[in-house]
């Protein structure tokens, strides 16, 4: 049985939102084609699930290529990187996701190849410098600070994907349902989009789950009632906040003072990284918490939402 795949745009025109990034990429891609040159190396940064891999695949598609995809954490040694570099062919587009996870020595080997298009290969115990064909490296990261500065500076094109606005998220939801040949009205698409934390990956997950509920409970028809029933089962409230979000807000409300992130992580039974990268960005975006030098605190808007569900 085939696994259902999430809809992914394949061209810049198909991509919802990210107007600044699309404008920049459109110029660089057209210029590379006009000059008949390899596209410059590109670094894409943004929060988890914001579409970095999708954008990388769009870039490759626009250049008439299929990206060779690698995971940063899986490239553990310098020899791993050498093996990848030695497999490159002329005009290849190489995509390394989570490139901040590369060790410093591995990054050093990579940025040398990016700039000089050569790689040092060990042959019979001796280091031999081997030329490389011209290629484009696309790196994706959720942590720019995790990249060594010399490596980061080897990317002439650096793009930060911004949080998607409400209209873009609604369009993403509508497009995902359209790809399944399922009708959805603007109001229902807006409800799902607003609950998706400005993140396309989450929107696509919700689309799959809500369609399953609609298929079983309502002959495949998407209605507000079906959406809210689905959210209720998934532990998501009308504001798009999940159980961890509400526990976080409840703790801050009860504390009545600023709380350090380490204390919060311990109290909520999670880790500091998950709070900083997954939970807090959305709560800040929604204007529910204040992130200060003395810790995190809840504002009146956040306190009102907690009170509504107490």
Protein backbone atom coordinates (compact mmCIF):
# COMPACT_ATOMS: atom_id res chain seq x y z
CA UNK A 1 0.00 0.00 0.00
CA UNK A 2 1.44 3.38 -1.02
CA UNK A 3 2.11 5.98 1.67
CA UNK A 4 0.37 9.32 1.22
CA UNK A 5 2.87 12.10 0.60
CA UNK A 6 2.50 15.75 1.59
CA UNK A 7 2.15 18.25 -1.23
CA UNK A 8 5.38 20.09 -2.01
CA UNK A 9 5.66 22.97 -4.50
CA UNK A 10 8.21 22.42 -7.28
CA UNK A 11 8.70 25.97 -8.62
CA UNK A 12 9.19 29.41 -7.09
CA UNK A 13 5.83 30.48 -8.52
CA UNK A 14 4.12 27.62 -6.65
CA UNK A 15 5.71 28.56 -3.32
CA UNK A 16 3.36 30.47 -1.01
CA UNK A 17 4.83 33.41 0.88
CA UNK A 18 8.58 34.09 1.21
CA UNK A 19 8.39 36.93 -1.32
CA UNK A 20 11.80 38.37 -0.41
CA UNK A 21 13.52 34.99 -0.74
CA UNK A 22 11.72 34.22 -4.01
CA UNK A 23 12.71 37.56 -5.53
CA UNK A 24 16.34 37.03 -4.59
CA UNK A 25 16.47 33.45 -5.84
CA UNK A 26 14.70 34.31 -9.07
CA UNK A 27 17.43 36.84 -9.91
CA UNK A 28 20.34 34.53 -9.03
CA UNK A 29 18.87 31.55 -10.89
CA UNK A 30 18.12 33.56 -14.04
CA UNK A 31 21.57 35.17 -13.94
CA UNK A 32 23.29 31.77 -13.63
CA UNK A 33 21.34 30.49 -16.62
CA UNK A 34 22.06 33.60 -18.71
CA UNK A 35 25.80 33.32 -17.95
CA UNK A 36 25.73 29.54 -18.38
CA UNK A 37 27.44 29.24 -15.01
CA UNK A 38 26.99 27.14 -11.91
CA UNK A 39 24.71 28.74 -9.33
CA UNK A 40 26.57 30.19 -6.34
CA UNK A 41 26.48 28.32 -3.04
CA UNK A 42 23.35 29.02 -0.98
CA UNK A 43 22.73 28.90 2.78
CA UNK A 44 19.10 28.63 3.89
CA UNK A 45 18.23 29.25 7.54
CA UNK A 46 14.94 29.10 9.38
CA UNK A 47 12.98 27.32 12.08
CA UNK A 48 12.19 23.62 11.92
CA UNK A 49 9.50 22.77 9.37
CA UNK A 50 9.53 26.15 7.59
CA UNK A 51 10.32 24.66 4.17
CA UNK A 52 14.12 24.75 3.83
CA UNK A 53 14.25 21.35 2.10
CA UNK A 54 11.35 22.33 -0.15
CA UNK A 55 13.15 25.52 -1.20
CA UNK A 56 16.36 23.58 -1.87
CA UNK A 57 14.49 21.15 -4.12
CA UNK A 58 12.79 24.06 -5.90
CA UNK A 59 16.19 25.65 -6.59
CA UNK A 60 17.48 22.38 -8.03
CA UNK A 61 14.35 21.96 -10.15
CA UNK A 62 14.58 25.53 -11.46
CA UNK A 63 18.18 24.77 -12.50
CA UNK A 64 17.08 21.60 -14.27
CA UNK A 65 18.70 19.35 -11.69
CA UNK A 66 17.78 16.90 -8.96
CA UNK A 67 19.49 17.69 -5.68
CA UNK A 68 21.81 15.11 -4.12
CA UNK A 69 20.55 15.10 -0.54
CA UNK A 70 22.63 14.45 2.58
CA UNK A 71 22.03 14.83 6.32
CA UNK A 72 24.61 16.79 8.31
CA UNK A 73 24.49 14.53 11.39
CA UNK A 74 25.16 11.49 9.17
CA UNK A 75 28.42 12.98 7.83
CA UNK A 76 30.56 12.10 10.82
CA UNK A 77 34.15 12.14 9.52
CA UNK A 78 36.36 14.04 7.09
CA UNK A 79 36.51 10.89 4.97
CA UNK A 80 32.70 10.85 4.75
CA UNK A 81 32.84 14.36 3.32
CA UNK A 82 35.68 13.45 0.95
CA UNK A 83 33.62 10.53 -0.37
CA UNK A 84 30.68 12.86 -1.05
CA UNK A 85 32.87 15.45 -2.77
CA UNK A 86 34.56 12.82 -4.94
CA UNK A 87 31.15 11.64 -6.21
CA UNK A 88 30.19 15.10 -7.49
CA UNK A 89 29.73 15.68 -11.21
CA UNK A 90 29.77 18.93 -13.17
CA UNK A 91 26.92 21.32 -12.23
CA UNK A 92 25.60 19.01 -9.49
CA UNK A 93 23.48 20.55 -6.75
CA UNK A 94 24.39 19.10 -3.37
CA UNK A 95 22.01 19.68 -0.46
CA UNK A 96 23.20 19.19 3.13
CA UNK A 97 20.41 19.47 5.68
CA UNK A 98 21.31 20.46 9.26
CA UNK A 99 24.75 21.50 8.05
CA UNK A 100 25.43 23.10 11.46
CA UNK A 101 25.80 19.54 12.80
CA UNK A 102 29.02 19.02 10.79
CA UNK A 103 32.14 18.85 12.96
CA UNK A 104 34.66 21.68 12.60
CA UNK A 105 37.19 19.54 10.68
CA UNK A 106 34.46 18.35 8.31
CA UNK A 107 33.34 21.94 7.74
CA UNK A 108 36.94 22.89 6.98
CA UNK A 109 37.18 20.22 4.28
CA UNK A 110 33.86 21.36 2.87
CA UNK A 111 34.52 25.10 2.67
CA UNK A 112 37.92 24.49 1.06
CA UNK A 113 36.17 22.49 -1.66
CA UNK A 114 33.46 25.14 -2.01
CA UNK A 115 35.98 27.89 -2.66
CA UNK A 116 38.82 26.15 -4.49
CA UNK A 117 36.94 23.23 -6.08
CA UNK A 118 39.64 20.82 -4.98
CA UNK A 119 39.78 18.07 -2.35
CA UNK A 120 42.71 16.40 -0.61
CA UNK A 121 42.51 12.62 -1.10
CA UNK A 122 44.62 10.09 0.78
CA UNK A 123 46.30 7.70 -1.68
CA UNK A 124 48.71 5.11 -0.34
CA UNK A 125 49.33 7.18 2.77
CA UNK A 126 49.96 10.40 0.86
CA UNK A 127 47.70 13.42 0.50
CA UNK A 128 46.94 14.15 -3.15
CA UNK A 129 45.05 17.26 -4.22
CA UNK A 130 42.29 16.32 -6.64
CA UNK A 131 40.33 18.86 -8.72
CA UNK A 132 36.56 18.88 -8.41
CA UNK A 133 33.94 19.79 -11.01
CA UNK A 134 32.03 22.99 -10.35
CA UNK A 135 28.99 22.38 -8.17
CA UNK A 136 26.44 24.23 -6.07
CA UNK A 137 26.18 23.51 -2.37
CA UNK A 138 22.90 24.31 -0.64
CA UNK A 139 23.13 24.17 3.14
CA UNK A 140 20.12 24.27 5.46
CA UNK A 141 20.32 25.13 9.13
CA UNK A 142 18.18 25.98 12.12
CA UNK A 143 21.28 27.28 13.91
CA UNK A 144 23.51 29.75 12.06
CA UNK A 145 25.72 29.96 15.13
CA UNK A 146 26.50 26.26 14.79
CA UNK A 147 28.38 26.91 11.55
CA UNK A 148 32.02 27.95 11.74
CA UNK A 149 32.41 31.53 10.51
CA UNK A 150 34.80 30.60 7.64
CA UNK A 151 32.27 28.04 6.40
CA UNK A 152 29.37 30.46 6.69
CA UNK A 153 31.29 33.07 4.72
CA UNK A 154 31.72 30.68 1.78
CA UNK A 155 28.02 31.01 0.97
CA UNK A 156 27.61 34.08 -1.30
CA UNK A 157 23.81 33.71 -1.14
CA UNK A 158 22.30 33.58 2.34
CA UNK A 159 18.55 33.36 2.77
CA UNK A 160 16.54 33.43 5.98
CA UNK A 161 13.05 31.99 5.62
CA UNK A 162 10.63 34.16 7.55
CA UNK A 163 7.55 32.98 9.47
CA UNK A 164 4.62 32.58 7.09
CA UNK A 165 1.80 35.09 7.42
CA UNK A 166 -1.85 34.06 7.85
CA UNK A 167 -2.71 34.47 4.17
CA UNK A 168 0.23 32.30 3.06
CA UNK A 169 -0.69 29.59 5.56
CA UNK A 170 -4.29 29.59 4.32
CA UNK A 171 -3.06 29.22 0.74
CA UNK A 172 -0.77 26.35 1.76
CA UNK A 173 -3.73 24.53 3.32
CA UNK A 174 -5.97 25.13 0.29
CA UNK A 175 -3.26 23.94 -2.08
CA UNK A 176 -2.66 20.79 -0.03
CA UNK A 177 -6.36 19.88 -0.13
CA UNK A 178 -6.54 20.74 -3.83
CA UNK A 179 -3.70 18.29 -4.48
CA UNK A 180 -5.93 15.60 -2.92
CA UNK A 181 -8.92 16.75 -5.02
CA UNK A 182 -10.74 17.71 -1.82
CA UNK A 183 -12.89 20.82 -1.60
CA UNK A 184 -12.43 23.20 1.33
CA UNK A 185 -13.93 26.64 1.84
CA UNK A 186 -11.89 29.71 2.73
CA UNK A 187 -13.05 29.80 6.36
CA UNK A 188 -12.05 26.18 7.05
CA UNK A 189 -8.68 26.66 5.34
CA UNK A 190 -8.12 29.79 7.45
CA UNK A 191 -8.87 27.91 10.69
CA UNK A 192 -6.35 25.19 9.87
CA UNK A 193 -3.77 27.71 8.63
CA UNK A 194 -4.05 29.85 11.76
CA UNK A 195 -3.48 26.79 13.96
CA UNK A 196 -0.40 25.63 12.04
CA UNK A 197 2.22 27.69 13.90
CA UNK A 198 3.28 29.49 10.69
CA UNK A 199 4.90 26.21 9.64
CA UNK A 200 4.08 24.42 6.35
CA UNK A 201 5.10 21.01 7.72
CA UNK A 202 2.59 21.31 10.56
CA UNK A 203 -0.09 22.51 8.13
CA UNK A 204 0.48 19.45 5.93
CA UNK A 205 0.30 17.18 8.98
CA UNK A 206 -3.00 18.76 10.01
CA UNK A 207 -4.37 18.42 6.48
CA UNK A 208 -3.70 14.67 6.51
CA UNK A 209 -5.18 14.16 9.98
CA UNK A 210 -8.27 16.31 9.40
CA UNK A 211 -8.98 14.62 6.08
CA UNK A 212 -8.83 11.23 7.83
CA UNK A 213 -11.42 12.45 10.35
CA UNK A 214 -13.60 13.88 7.58
CA UNK A 215 -13.35 10.66 5.57
CA UNK A 216 -14.43 8.47 8.47
CA UNK A 217 -16.94 10.78 10.15
CA UNK A 218 -18.34 13.06 7.44
CA UNK A 219 -18.09 11.37 4.04
CA UNK A 220 -14.87 13.25 3.29
CA UNK A 221 -16.42 16.71 3.67
CA UNK A 222 -14.33 19.31 5.51
CA UNK A 223 -16.40 21.39 7.92
CA UNK A 224 -15.59 23.57 10.92
CA UNK A 225 -17.10 20.93 13.22
CA UNK A 226 -14.85 18.22 11.77
CA UNK A 227 -11.80 20.48 12.11
CA UNK A 228 -12.47 21.32 15.77
CA UNK A 229 -13.26 17.67 16.58
CA UNK A 230 -9.92 16.72 14.99
CA UNK A 231 -8.09 19.42 16.94
CA UNK A 232 -9.70 18.26 20.17
CA UNK A 233 -8.46 14.69 19.64
CA UNK A 234 -4.99 15.98 18.71
CA UNK A 235 -4.86 18.15 21.84
CA UNK A 236 -4.92 21.48 20.00
CA UNK A 237 -7.14 24.36 21.06
CA UNK A 238 -8.76 27.06 18.91
CA UNK A 239 -5.64 29.22 19.21
CA UNK A 240 -3.46 26.51 17.71
CA UNK A 241 -1.79 25.87 21.08
CA UNK A 242 -0.97 22.28 22.00
CA UNK A 243 -0.70 20.68 25.43
CA UNK A 244 2.98 21.61 25.89
CA UNK A 245 2.23 25.24 25.00
CA UNK A 246 -0.53 25.37 27.60
CA UNK A 247 1.61 23.69 30.27
CA UNK A 248 4.33 26.25 29.56
CA UNK A 249 1.91 29.18 29.85
CA UNK A 250 0.24 27.73 32.95
CA UNK A 251 3.61 27.37 34.69
CA UNK A 252 4.54 30.99 33.95
CA UNK A 253 1.13 32.22 35.10
CA UNK A 254 1.40 30.32 38.36
CA UNK A 255 5.01 31.49 38.91
CA UNK A 256 4.00 35.18 38.78
CA UNK A 257 7.61 36.10 37.91
CA UNK A 258 10.27 35.56 35.25
CA UNK A 259 11.49 31.96 35.05
CA UNK A 260 14.76 30.69 33.53
CA UNK A 261 14.54 28.33 30.56
CA UNK A 262 16.46 25.58 32.39
CA UNK A 263 13.95 25.68 35.25
CA UNK A 264 11.08 25.62 32.77
CA UNK A 265 12.52 22.62 30.92
CA UNK A 266 12.94 20.65 34.14
CA UNK A 267 9.46 21.53 35.38
CA UNK A 268 7.82 20.56 32.09
CA UNK A 269 9.79 17.35 31.64
CA UNK A 270 11.47 18.36 28.40
CA UNK A 271 14.81 19.79 27.28
CA UNK A 272 16.03 23.34 26.86
CA UNK A 273 16.58 22.97 23.09
CA UNK A 274 12.99 21.82 22.46
CA UNK A 275 11.62 24.81 24.36
CA UNK A 276 13.87 27.30 22.57
CA UNK A 277 13.45 25.89 19.05
CA UNK A 278 9.90 24.51 19.04
CA UNK A 279 7.72 25.96 21.80
CA UNK A 280 8.92 29.50 22.43
CA UNK A 281 9.14 30.87 18.84
CA UNK A 282 5.41 30.39 18.32
CA UNK A 283 4.44 31.74 21.74
CA UNK A 284 6.58 34.82 21.09
CA UNK A 285 5.11 35.21 17.61
CA UNK A 286 1.61 35.05 19.11
CA UNK A 287 2.58 37.70 21.64
CA UNK A 288 1.89 35.53 24.68
CA UNK A 289 5.23 35.60 26.50
CA UNK A 290 8.10 38.00 27.15
CA UNK A 291 11.67 36.75 26.76
CA UNK A 292 13.99 38.87 28.90
CA UNK A 293 17.44 38.75 30.48
CA UNK A 294 15.99 37.42 33.77
CA UNK A 295 13.98 34.68 32.09
CA UNK A 296 10.55 34.15 30.56
CA UNK A 297 7.32 35.71 31.78
CA UNK A 298 3.74 35.63 30.61
CA UNK A 299 1.90 38.78 29.52
CA UNK A 300 -1.78 39.64 29.96
CA UNK A 301 -2.80 38.17 26.61
CA UNK A 302 -1.18 34.85 27.52
CA UNK A 303 -2.68 34.91 31.02
CA UNK A 304 -6.15 35.50 29.56
CA UNK A 305 -5.84 32.44 27.32
CA UNK A 306 -4.75 30.28 30.24
CA UNK A 307 -7.67 31.56 32.33
CA UNK A 308 -10.07 30.70 29.51
CA UNK A 309 -9.17 27.01 29.75
CA UNK A 310 -8.78 26.70 33.55
